[in-house]
Structure formats: C-alpha cells, structure tokens
C-alpha cells in the first residue's frame, strides 16, 4: 500500500509541476494565415518577458497616423534570433511583416522586422 501511495504522490507532483508550462496562451486571436506589411516609426519598445512589444506609428497614404502594437517573442526567443535590447530604438524607421488580429484592430503578432538599412530577420 505504501508503494502505491508513493506512486500516486509522485504522479500528482509531476502533473502539478508541468501544469504551468501548459498555461501559455494561444495565438488564436491572430490570423496566422496572412501577413500585414507595415512601415513606420518606432514610438515605444518594451524588451520584457513574457513578450517583447514594439509600437509603430504608421502613416496611411491619406496622411492618417495609426499606432500599431506588435507582439514579439520573449527576450530569450528574440535573443536567440540575433536581436538585442539595442537593435531597435525609439525613432527608428522599421518595416514589419506580422499576423494581424482577427478583430481588425491595429495590433499584430510579429513575424519579421527590418530596421532601416538592415536585413529582414525573424522577430518571434
């Protein structure tokens, strides 16, 4: 009986330890089947976990300015793709390919980023 209790306890402990890893949210709110192309000026850059964020002011052909919120991967994921905290600065002109929100609001999930004069690289 004691062996059975130990095994049950061990199974419960493993399950409880693994549960937080499965709690990460999905990206179901983004349309992952298409990309939105944006070009604009960085107004904010948040190098934080669990996700990096870049805010980009995009000026439409009619002159209307819209700030887009772009969600990136965590600091570890982005760093492994060659980005650093100093890769992007407020005031930089950037080009972005990202997955738009299904709701149509001005927010998207990163795919790729190109800083002016640079090469497009994955930022997720």
C-alpha atoms as a PDB file:
ATOM      1  CA  UNK A   1       0.000   0.000   0.000  1.00  0.00           C
ATOM      2  CA  UNK A   2       2.844   2.362   0.820  1.00  0.00           C
ATOM      3  CA  UNK A   3       4.374   1.907  -2.664  1.00  0.00           C
ATOM      4  CA  UNK A   4       1.013   2.713  -4.289  1.00  0.00           C
ATOM      5  CA  UNK A   5       0.684   5.941  -2.253  1.00  0.00           C
ATOM      6  CA  UNK A   6       4.224   6.962  -3.192  1.00  0.00           C
ATOM      7  CA  UNK A   7       3.494   6.426  -6.874  1.00  0.00           C
ATOM      8  CA  UNK A   8       0.247   8.378  -6.722  1.00  0.00           C
ATOM      9  CA  UNK A   9       2.000  11.218  -4.902  1.00  0.00           C
ATOM     10  CA  UNK A  10       4.821  11.219  -7.466  1.00  0.00           C
ATOM     11  CA  UNK A  11       2.332  11.299 -10.361  1.00  0.00           C
ATOM     12  CA  UNK A  12       0.433  14.212  -8.820  1.00  0.00           C
ATOM     13  CA  UNK A  13       3.684  16.104  -8.163  1.00  0.00           C
ATOM     14  CA  UNK A  14       4.839  15.669 -11.777  1.00  0.00           C
ATOM     15  CA  UNK A  15       1.446  16.803 -13.087  1.00  0.00           C
ATOM     16  CA  UNK A  16       1.419  19.877 -10.819  1.00  0.00           C
ATOM     17  CA  UNK A  17       4.975  20.778 -11.844  1.00  0.00           C
ATOM     18  CA  UNK A  18       4.166  20.501 -15.586  1.00  0.00           C
ATOM     19  CA  UNK A  19       0.849  22.382 -15.431  1.00  0.00           C
ATOM     20  CA  UNK A  20       2.265  25.956 -15.588  1.00  0.00           C
ATOM     21  CA  UNK A  21       4.038  25.086 -18.848  1.00  0.00           C
ATOM     22  CA  UNK A  22       0.729  24.290 -20.488  1.00  0.00           C
ATOM     23  CA  UNK A  23      -0.865  27.538 -19.302  1.00  0.00           C
ATOM     24  CA  UNK A  24       0.678  29.720 -22.049  1.00  0.00           C
ATOM     25  CA  UNK A  25      -1.972  31.462 -24.107  1.00  0.00           C
ATOM     26  CA  UNK A  26      -2.615  30.636 -27.738  1.00  0.00           C
ATOM     27  CA  UNK A  27      -2.255  32.984 -30.681  1.00  0.00           C
ATOM     28  CA  UNK A  28      -5.757  32.106 -31.881  1.00  0.00           C
ATOM     29  CA  UNK A  29      -6.729  35.781 -31.853  1.00  0.00           C
ATOM     30  CA  UNK A  30      -4.287  36.417 -34.723  1.00  0.00           C
ATOM     31  CA  UNK A  31      -4.837  35.398 -38.343  1.00  0.00           C
ATOM     32  CA  UNK A  32      -1.772  33.217 -38.830  1.00  0.00           C
ATOM     33  CA  UNK A  33      -2.676  32.529 -42.472  1.00  0.00           C
ATOM     34  CA  UNK A  34      -1.745  36.015 -43.670  1.00  0.00           C
ATOM     35  CA  UNK A  35       0.777  38.780 -43.157  1.00  0.00           C
ATOM     36  CA  UNK A  36       0.241  42.519 -42.807  1.00  0.00           C
ATOM     37  CA  UNK A  37       3.077  44.728 -44.109  1.00  0.00           C
ATOM     38  CA  UNK A  38       3.740  47.848 -42.073  1.00  0.00           C
ATOM     39  CA  UNK A  39       6.342  50.562 -42.306  1.00  0.00           C
ATOM     40  CA  UNK A  40       6.638  53.300 -39.751  1.00  0.00           C
ATOM     41  CA  UNK A  41       8.434  54.897 -36.834  1.00  0.00           C
ATOM     42  CA  UNK A  42       9.035  53.156 -33.507  1.00  0.00           C
ATOM     43  CA  UNK A  43       7.291  55.071 -30.716  1.00  0.00           C
ATOM     44  CA  UNK A  44       7.812  52.520 -27.901  1.00  0.00           C
ATOM     45  CA  UNK A  45       9.929  49.409 -27.435  1.00  0.00           C
ATOM     46  CA  UNK A  46       9.450  47.053 -24.475  1.00  0.00           C
ATOM     47  CA  UNK A  47      12.220  44.462 -24.044  1.00  0.00           C
ATOM     48  CA  UNK A  48      10.384  42.354 -21.438  1.00  0.00           C
ATOM     49  CA  UNK A  49       9.108  38.854 -20.766  1.00  0.00           C
ATOM     50  CA  UNK A  50       6.925  37.026 -21.468  1.00  0.00           C
ATOM     51  CA  UNK A  51       6.678  39.013 -24.744  1.00  0.00           C
ATOM     52  CA  UNK A  52       8.544  41.894 -26.333  1.00  0.00           C
ATOM     53  CA  UNK A  53       6.411  44.736 -27.721  1.00  0.00           C
ATOM     54  CA  UNK A  54       7.064  47.376 -30.343  1.00  0.00           C
ATOM     55  CA  UNK A  55       4.700  50.263 -31.050  1.00  0.00           C
ATOM     56  CA  UNK A  56       4.944  51.664 -34.569  1.00  0.00           C
ATOM     57  CA  UNK A  57       3.340  54.823 -35.914  1.00  0.00           C
ATOM     58  CA  UNK A  58       2.227  54.108 -39.473  1.00  0.00           C
ATOM     59  CA  UNK A  59       1.084  56.968 -41.719  1.00  0.00           C
ATOM     60  CA  UNK A  60      -1.524  55.932 -44.301  1.00  0.00           C
ATOM     61  CA  UNK A  61      -1.463  57.370 -47.852  1.00  0.00           C
ATOM     62  CA  UNK A  62      -4.218  59.818 -46.806  1.00  0.00           C
ATOM     63  CA  UNK A  63      -2.000  61.176 -44.003  1.00  0.00           C
ATOM     64  CA  UNK A  64      -3.784  59.448 -41.115  1.00  0.00           C
ATOM     65  CA  UNK A  65      -1.348  58.227 -38.455  1.00  0.00           C
ATOM     66  CA  UNK A  66      -2.144  54.984 -36.598  1.00  0.00           C
ATOM     67  CA  UNK A  67      -0.062  53.420 -33.847  1.00  0.00           C
ATOM     68  CA  UNK A  68       0.254  49.663 -34.295  1.00  0.00           C
ATOM     69  CA  UNK A  69       1.044  47.386 -31.351  1.00  0.00           C
ATOM     70  CA  UNK A  70       3.234  44.463 -32.411  1.00  0.00           C
ATOM     71  CA  UNK A  71       3.725  41.465 -30.094  1.00  0.00           C
ATOM     72  CA  UNK A  72       7.007  39.585 -30.319  1.00  0.00           C
ATOM     73  CA  UNK A  73       8.509  36.548 -28.668  1.00  0.00           C
ATOM     74  CA  UNK A  74      10.068  36.551 -25.228  1.00  0.00           C
ATOM     75  CA  UNK A  75      13.507  38.023 -24.651  1.00  0.00           C
ATOM     76  CA  UNK A  76      15.143  34.583 -24.820  1.00  0.00           C
ATOM     77  CA  UNK A  77      13.497  33.656 -28.114  1.00  0.00           C
ATOM     78  CA  UNK A  78      14.259  37.009 -29.724  1.00  0.00           C
ATOM     79  CA  UNK A  79      17.859  36.969 -28.470  1.00  0.00           C
ATOM     80  CA  UNK A  80      18.368  33.519 -29.995  1.00  0.00           C
ATOM     81  CA  UNK A  81      17.462  35.059 -33.371  1.00  0.00           C
ATOM     82  CA  UNK A  82      20.240  37.656 -33.047  1.00  0.00           C
ATOM     83  CA  UNK A  83      18.327  40.631 -31.611  1.00  0.00           C
ATOM     84  CA  UNK A  84      19.494  42.657 -28.613  1.00  0.00           C
ATOM     85  CA  UNK A  85      17.965  45.368 -26.468  1.00  0.00           C
ATOM     86  CA  UNK A  86      19.884  47.874 -28.636  1.00  0.00           C
ATOM     87  CA  UNK A  87      18.742  46.549 -32.035  1.00  0.00           C
ATOM     88  CA  UNK A  88      15.689  48.812 -32.110  1.00  0.00           C
ATOM     89  CA  UNK A  89      15.386  52.378 -30.814  1.00  0.00           C
ATOM     90  CA  UNK A  90      12.561  54.860 -30.453  1.00  0.00           C
ATOM     91  CA  UNK A  91      12.563  56.967 -33.605  1.00  0.00           C
ATOM     92  CA  UNK A  92      13.859  54.171 -35.880  1.00  0.00           C
ATOM     93  CA  UNK A  93      12.067  53.591 -39.158  1.00  0.00           C
ATOM     94  CA  UNK A  94      11.194  49.901 -39.430  1.00  0.00           C
ATOM     95  CA  UNK A  95       9.389  47.564 -41.798  1.00  0.00           C
ATOM     96  CA  UNK A  96       7.343  44.748 -40.280  1.00  0.00           C
ATOM     97  CA  UNK A  97       5.601  41.642 -41.601  1.00  0.00           C
ATOM     98  CA  UNK A  98       3.151  40.461 -38.976  1.00  0.00           C
ATOM     99  CA  UNK A  99      -0.029  38.449 -38.470  1.00  0.00           C
ATOM    100  CA  UNK A 100      -2.983  40.815 -37.919  1.00  0.00           C
ATOM    101  CA  UNK A 101      -5.553  40.467 -35.181  1.00  0.00           C
ATOM    102  CA  UNK A 102      -8.718  38.775 -36.391  1.00  0.00           C
ATOM    103  CA  UNK A 103     -10.730  41.667 -34.923  1.00  0.00           C
ATOM    104  CA  UNK A 104      -9.159  44.099 -37.402  1.00  0.00           C
ATOM    105  CA  UNK A 105      -7.764  46.444 -34.761  1.00  0.00           C
ATOM    106  CA  UNK A 106      -4.269  47.919 -35.117  1.00  0.00           C
ATOM    107  CA  UNK A 107      -2.318  45.135 -33.470  1.00  0.00           C
ATOM    108  CA  UNK A 108      -0.465  42.131 -34.795  1.00  0.00           C
ATOM    109  CA  UNK A 109       1.881  39.268 -33.972  1.00  0.00           C
ATOM    110  CA  UNK A 110       5.463  39.567 -35.183  1.00  0.00           C
ATOM    111  CA  UNK A 111       6.825  37.592 -37.998  1.00  0.00           C
ATOM    112  CA  UNK A 112       9.719  39.649 -39.346  1.00  0.00           C
ATOM    113  CA  UNK A 113      11.334  43.032 -38.725  1.00  0.00           C
ATOM    114  CA  UNK A 114      13.752  45.103 -40.775  1.00  0.00           C
ATOM    115  CA  UNK A 115      15.431  48.142 -39.295  1.00  0.00           C
ATOM    116  CA  UNK A 116      16.145  50.849 -41.893  1.00  0.00           C
ATOM    117  CA  UNK A 117      19.220  49.896 -43.890  1.00  0.00           C
ATOM    118  CA  UNK A 118      19.230  46.403 -42.408  1.00  0.00           C
ATOM    119  CA  UNK A 119      18.211  42.909 -43.378  1.00  0.00           C
ATOM    120  CA  UNK A 120      14.806  41.465 -42.571  1.00  0.00           C
ATOM    121  CA  UNK A 121      15.077  38.974 -39.677  1.00  0.00           C
ATOM    122  CA  UNK A 122      12.585  36.909 -37.719  1.00  0.00           C
ATOM    123  CA  UNK A 123      11.397  38.611 -34.535  1.00  0.00           C
ATOM    124  CA  UNK A 124       9.262  35.953 -32.843  1.00  0.00           C
END
